[in-house]
Protein backbone atom coordinates (compact mmCIF):
# COMPACT_ATOMS: atom_id res chain seq x y z
CA MET A 1 93.94 109.54 94.32
CA SER A 2 93.80 113.12 94.87
CA ARG A 3 96.37 115.58 93.15
CA TYR A 4 97.70 116.55 96.46
CA ASN A 5 98.57 112.81 97.54
CA SER A 6 99.72 112.31 93.84
CA MET A 7 102.36 114.92 94.29
CA ARG A 8 103.46 113.76 97.66
CA PHE A 9 104.19 110.40 95.98
CA LYS A 10 106.15 112.11 93.38
CA ARG A 11 108.11 113.87 96.15
CA LEU A 12 108.74 110.20 97.80
CA VAL A 13 109.98 108.43 94.85
CA ASN A 14 112.49 111.36 93.87
CA ARG A 15 113.94 111.88 97.36
CA PRO A 16 117.76 112.14 97.21
CA GLU A 17 117.91 109.36 99.85
CA LYS A 18 118.13 105.63 98.75
CA ILE A 19 114.92 104.00 99.94
CA CYS A 20 112.97 100.74 99.47
CA TRP A 21 109.28 100.70 100.20
CA VAL A 22 108.51 97.54 102.06
CA VAL A 23 104.47 96.32 101.64
CA ASN A 24 103.33 93.41 103.67
CA LEU A 25 100.71 91.55 101.57
CA GLY A 26 99.73 89.11 104.36
CA LEU A 27 98.50 85.67 103.07
CA ILE A 28 98.22 86.04 99.38
CA PRO A 29 97.63 83.52 96.47
CA TYR A 30 100.56 82.65 94.39
CA GLY A 31 98.83 84.04 91.08
CA PRO A 32 97.94 87.59 92.37
CA SER A 33 101.46 88.02 94.02
CA CYS A 34 102.89 87.33 90.65
CA ASP A 35 100.59 89.76 88.78
CA LEU A 36 101.41 92.72 91.27
CA GLN A 37 105.18 91.88 90.59
CA TYR A 38 104.85 92.20 87.01
CA ARG A 39 103.11 95.49 87.37
CA LEU A 40 105.87 96.63 89.90
CA VAL A 41 108.52 95.70 87.64
CA ARG A 42 106.98 97.63 84.67
CA ALA A 43 106.93 100.72 87.05
CA ARG A 44 110.28 100.35 88.31
CA GLN A 45 111.71 100.21 84.86
CA ARG A 46 110.00 103.65 83.99
CA GLN A 47 111.17 104.91 87.49
CA ALA A 48 107.75 105.53 88.58
CA ILE A 49 108.56 103.74 91.95
CA PRO A 50 111.72 103.24 93.94
CA ASP A 51 112.87 99.68 95.07
CA VAL A 52 110.02 97.77 96.74
CA LEU A 53 110.31 94.62 98.80
CA LEU A 54 107.12 92.67 99.13
CA LEU A 55 106.63 90.23 101.99
CA CYS A 56 103.94 87.75 102.19
CA GLU A 57 102.92 84.17 102.79
CA HIS A 58 101.12 81.79 100.38
CA PRO A 59 98.45 79.24 101.02
CA HIS A 60 99.79 75.68 99.97
CA VAL A 61 101.31 75.80 96.35
CA ILE A 62 103.83 74.24 94.58
CA THR A 63 105.85 76.29 91.91
CA LEU A 64 108.29 74.98 89.37
CA GLY A 65 110.86 77.08 87.93
CA ARG A 66 111.92 77.68 84.23
CA ASN A 67 114.71 75.19 85.00
CA GLY A 68 112.72 72.84 86.67
CA LYS A 69 111.49 69.21 85.90
CA ARG A 70 108.29 68.10 86.39
CA GLU A 71 109.18 64.64 87.31
CA HIS A 72 110.62 66.29 90.81
CA LEU A 73 106.75 66.58 91.58
CA ARG A 74 105.98 63.50 93.37
CA ALA A 75 102.32 63.92 93.89
CA SER A 76 99.73 63.26 91.53
CA GLU A 77 97.25 66.13 90.52
CA ARG A 78 94.49 64.14 92.70
CA LEU A 79 96.54 64.16 95.83
CA LEU A 80 97.28 67.72 95.22
CA ALA A 81 93.47 68.71 95.09
CA GLN A 82 92.71 66.47 98.19
CA MET A 83 95.36 68.38 100.07
CA ASN A 84 94.30 71.75 98.82
CA VAL A 85 97.56 72.41 97.29
CA GLU A 86 97.95 74.55 93.98
CA PHE A 87 100.58 73.98 91.25
CA HIS A 88 102.03 76.94 89.34
CA PRO A 89 104.79 76.98 86.59
CA SER A 90 106.98 80.25 87.28
CA ASP A 91 109.27 82.29 85.24
CA ARG A 92 111.83 82.32 88.09
CA GLY A 93 115.12 80.62 88.12
CA GLY A 94 115.40 77.27 90.04
CA ASP A 95 113.88 74.15 90.01
CA ILE A 96 110.62 73.27 92.33
CA THR A 97 109.63 74.15 95.72
CA TYR A 98 106.74 74.51 97.97
CA HIS A 99 105.02 77.56 99.72
CA GLY A 100 102.90 77.58 102.48
CA PRO A 101 101.56 79.61 105.88
CA GLY A 102 104.47 79.90 108.36
CA GLN A 103 107.19 80.71 105.49
CA ILE A 104 108.26 84.20 104.75
CA VAL A 105 108.31 84.75 101.05
CA GLY A 106 110.05 88.12 99.93
CA TYR A 107 110.01 89.48 96.37
CA PRO A 108 112.07 92.29 95.87
CA VAL A 109 111.64 94.52 92.89
CA LEU A 110 115.00 96.39 92.65
CA ASP A 111 116.63 98.23 89.73
CA LEU A 112 120.14 96.49 89.86
CA THR A 113 121.38 99.55 87.69
CA GLU A 114 121.18 101.33 90.87
CA HIS A 115 123.09 98.58 92.81
CA ARG A 116 125.24 96.59 91.07
CA ARG A 117 124.53 94.67 87.48
CA ASP A 118 125.70 91.43 88.71
CA VAL A 119 123.09 88.52 89.23
CA ARG A 120 125.48 86.34 91.22
CA TRP A 121 126.15 89.42 93.70
CA TYR A 122 122.52 89.95 94.04
CA VAL A 123 121.60 86.31 94.83
CA SER A 124 124.75 86.42 97.33
CA GLN A 125 122.82 89.42 99.03
CA LEU A 126 119.73 87.77 99.26
CA GLU A 127 121.41 84.75 100.92
CA GLU A 128 123.17 87.15 103.19
CA THR A 129 119.94 88.75 104.18
CA ILE A 130 118.66 85.34 105.36
CA ILE A 131 121.92 84.29 106.92
CA ARG A 132 122.01 87.56 109.34
CA THR A 133 118.33 87.15 110.10
CA ALA A 134 119.04 83.49 111.20
CA ALA A 135 121.75 84.62 113.30
CA GLU A 136 119.42 86.97 115.27
CA PHE A 137 117.74 83.44 116.41
CA GLY A 138 121.15 81.75 116.99
CA ILE A 139 121.02 79.65 113.92
CA GLU A 140 124.28 79.29 111.81
CA GLY A 141 123.21 79.48 108.34
CA LYS A 142 125.49 79.15 105.30
CA ARG A 143 125.92 78.92 101.81
CA SER A 144 126.61 75.50 100.09
CA GLU A 145 129.17 75.52 97.03
CA GLY A 146 127.42 75.09 93.90
CA MET A 147 123.80 75.44 95.28
CA HIS A 148 121.80 78.55 95.90
CA GLY A 149 119.82 79.05 99.02
CA VAL A 150 120.56 78.97 102.62
CA TRP A 151 121.56 75.78 104.39
CA LEU A 152 122.53 74.17 107.85
CA ASP A 153 124.90 71.78 109.01
CA THR A 154 123.04 68.97 110.89
CA PRO A 155 123.72 65.65 111.99
CA ALA A 156 121.77 64.33 109.12
CA GLY A 157 123.82 66.32 106.81
CA GLU A 158 122.90 69.84 105.04
CA GLU A 159 119.43 70.63 105.40
CA LYS A 160 117.82 73.98 103.59
CA LEU A 161 116.39 76.70 105.46
CA ALA A 162 115.57 79.26 102.61
CA ALA A 163 115.25 78.74 98.80
CA LEU A 164 115.94 81.29 96.17
CA GLY A 165 114.68 81.98 92.79
CA VAL A 166 114.81 85.22 90.85
CA HIS A 167 114.03 86.65 87.42
CA LEU A 168 115.41 89.76 85.92
CA SER A 169 113.90 92.24 83.40
CA ARG A 170 116.07 94.85 82.00
CA TRP A 171 118.05 94.81 85.15
CA VAL A 172 114.75 94.94 87.60
CA THR A 173 114.56 91.92 89.65
CA SER A 174 111.27 89.83 90.66
CA HIS A 175 110.63 86.56 92.55
CA GLY A 176 112.93 86.13 95.35
CA PHE A 177 113.25 84.09 98.57
CA ALA A 178 111.27 81.65 100.82
CA CYS A 179 112.39 81.25 104.29
CA ASN A 180 110.96 78.55 106.52
CA VAL A 181 110.04 80.00 109.92
CA ALA A 182 107.13 78.11 111.09
CA THR A 183 106.39 75.93 107.97
CA ASP A 184 104.61 72.43 107.93
CA LEU A 185 107.51 70.82 106.49
CA ARG A 186 105.62 67.61 105.77
CA TYR A 187 104.62 69.31 102.53
CA PHE A 188 108.24 69.17 100.88
CA GLU A 189 107.58 65.45 100.90
CA LEU A 190 105.33 66.04 97.88
CA ILE A 191 108.20 67.20 95.91
CA VAL A 192 112.10 66.73 95.41
CA PRO A 193 112.98 70.02 96.98
CA CYS A 194 114.74 72.30 94.50
CA GLY A 195 115.53 69.22 92.54
CA LEU A 196 117.95 68.01 95.13
CA ALA A 197 117.23 64.26 96.23
CA GLY A 198 118.12 63.29 99.45
CA ARG A 199 118.18 67.03 100.85
CA ARG A 200 115.72 67.88 103.55
CA ALA A 201 114.11 71.28 104.06
CA THR A 202 114.30 72.70 107.71
CA SER A 203 112.60 75.66 109.57
CA PHE A 204 113.35 77.99 112.58
CA GLU A 205 111.12 75.90 114.51
CA ARG A 206 112.48 72.76 113.63
CA VAL A 207 116.21 73.91 114.50
CA LEU A 208 115.07 75.73 117.75
CA GLY A 209 112.37 73.05 119.09
CA CYS A 210 110.23 76.13 120.12
CA ALA A 211 107.31 78.18 118.26
CA VAL A 212 108.65 81.27 116.29
CA SER A 213 106.71 84.25 115.22
CA PRO A 214 106.82 84.89 111.31
CA GLU A 215 106.06 88.34 112.20
CA GLU A 216 108.87 88.76 114.27
CA ALA A 217 111.26 87.03 111.62
CA GLY A 218 109.64 89.17 108.92
CA HIS A 219 110.55 92.59 110.82
CA LEU A 220 114.43 91.38 111.12
CA ILE A 221 114.41 90.21 107.46
CA VAL A 222 113.32 93.78 106.62
CA GLU A 223 116.01 95.16 108.72
CA ARG A 224 118.69 93.08 107.51
CA PHE A 225 117.78 93.37 103.75
CA GLY A 226 117.76 97.28 104.43
CA GLY A 227 121.41 96.62 106.02
CA VAL A 228 122.58 94.54 103.18
CA PHE A 229 121.41 96.46 100.18
CA GLU A 230 122.08 99.72 101.87
CA ARG A 231 118.45 101.08 101.72
CA GLU A 232 116.18 102.85 104.10
CA MET A 233 113.11 100.67 104.67
CA VAL A 234 109.94 102.62 104.42
CA PRO A 235 106.78 100.89 105.48
CA VAL A 236 103.74 101.29 102.76
CA THR A 237 100.28 99.88 102.56
CA ARG A 238 99.19 97.84 99.82
CA ARG A 239 96.46 100.54 98.85
CA ALA A 240 99.07 103.23 98.77
CA LEU A 241 101.10 100.79 96.54
CA GLU A 242 98.25 100.76 94.48
CA GLY A 243 97.76 104.32 94.34
CA ALA A 244 101.57 104.57 93.11
CA LEU A 245 100.92 102.30 90.27
CA ARG A 246 97.72 104.20 88.99
CA GLN A 247 100.01 107.26 88.53
CA PRO A 248 100.76 108.47 84.95
CA MET A 249 103.56 106.51 83.14
CA SER A 250 105.75 109.56 82.32
CA ARG A 251 108.52 109.99 84.71
CA VAL A 252 107.89 111.70 87.88
CA ASP A 253 108.46 115.50 88.11
CA GLU A 254 112.00 116.16 89.47
CA SER A 255 111.23 119.71 89.83
CA LEU A 256 109.35 118.70 92.88
CA PRO A 257 111.19 119.48 96.47
CA ALA A 258 112.22 116.59 98.25
CA SER A 259 113.76 116.65 102.09
CA GLY A 260 114.56 113.72 104.04
CA GLU A 261 112.94 113.41 107.37
CA ASN A 262 109.63 114.93 105.84
CA LEU A 263 109.53 112.26 103.02
CA VAL A 264 109.96 109.52 105.56
CA ALA A 265 107.21 110.99 107.49
CA THR A 266 105.35 111.21 104.21
CA ALA A 267 105.73 107.76 103.58
CA ARG A 268 104.38 106.72 106.88
CA GLU A 269 101.42 108.89 106.66
CA LEU A 270 100.62 107.47 103.17
CA ALA A 271 100.55 104.18 105.02
CA GLN A 272 97.42 104.87 106.81
CA TYR A 273 95.50 105.28 103.61
């Protein structure tokens, strides 16, 4: 990245307005998404970047949280291989879950010292983001006492629309939420979802009985996330994000000028790189 663009990144990071970069990674394997989060967490801790929200979809994968039980995986290794499903242990909270195409996965990398140093509050805010998004489709999501995630009341009982699992390092967050939009729900039969026997996963498409665009749902998630966390969501490309991560580790130069609307334009211009 040129010195000119480097200075523009520094101005963007240090702008006085509260912003959050949003980066759409598209379809990305689980392992590389975790590696990217780790790098972002380190950069956020040294204040080299602002808050970031990664949005993506994963190829078929089952992940087991640090509090999870391996017996909640119902499928053998042979069956997983036949179905082309990966299995990954994870350092997030929660038990076992499935990710796959048609499911919007959000990985916020936020410095909670600039929001609120309260993990329960943070999890509640993630739930609120999905509840507000679902409401845009006429779906009444809710919280369920004693359980994380977003749930729906159905004639068959409570069904899970979105799962949550987070990790914090020095108050910087990683991992996040997975919202079933157009997900193939048959893959949840390979696990005991979130370790809750008898609880079924659902999706926007199952509830509405029609096709729903993950892209449309993703846009709404970004908007509602910005409202809930009181941040202006600034789109940045993966290439631009990688450029920011290659900047020196020292704190950015606060003497560089910052001006609100110009910096929003700068972010959008950088998104073309």
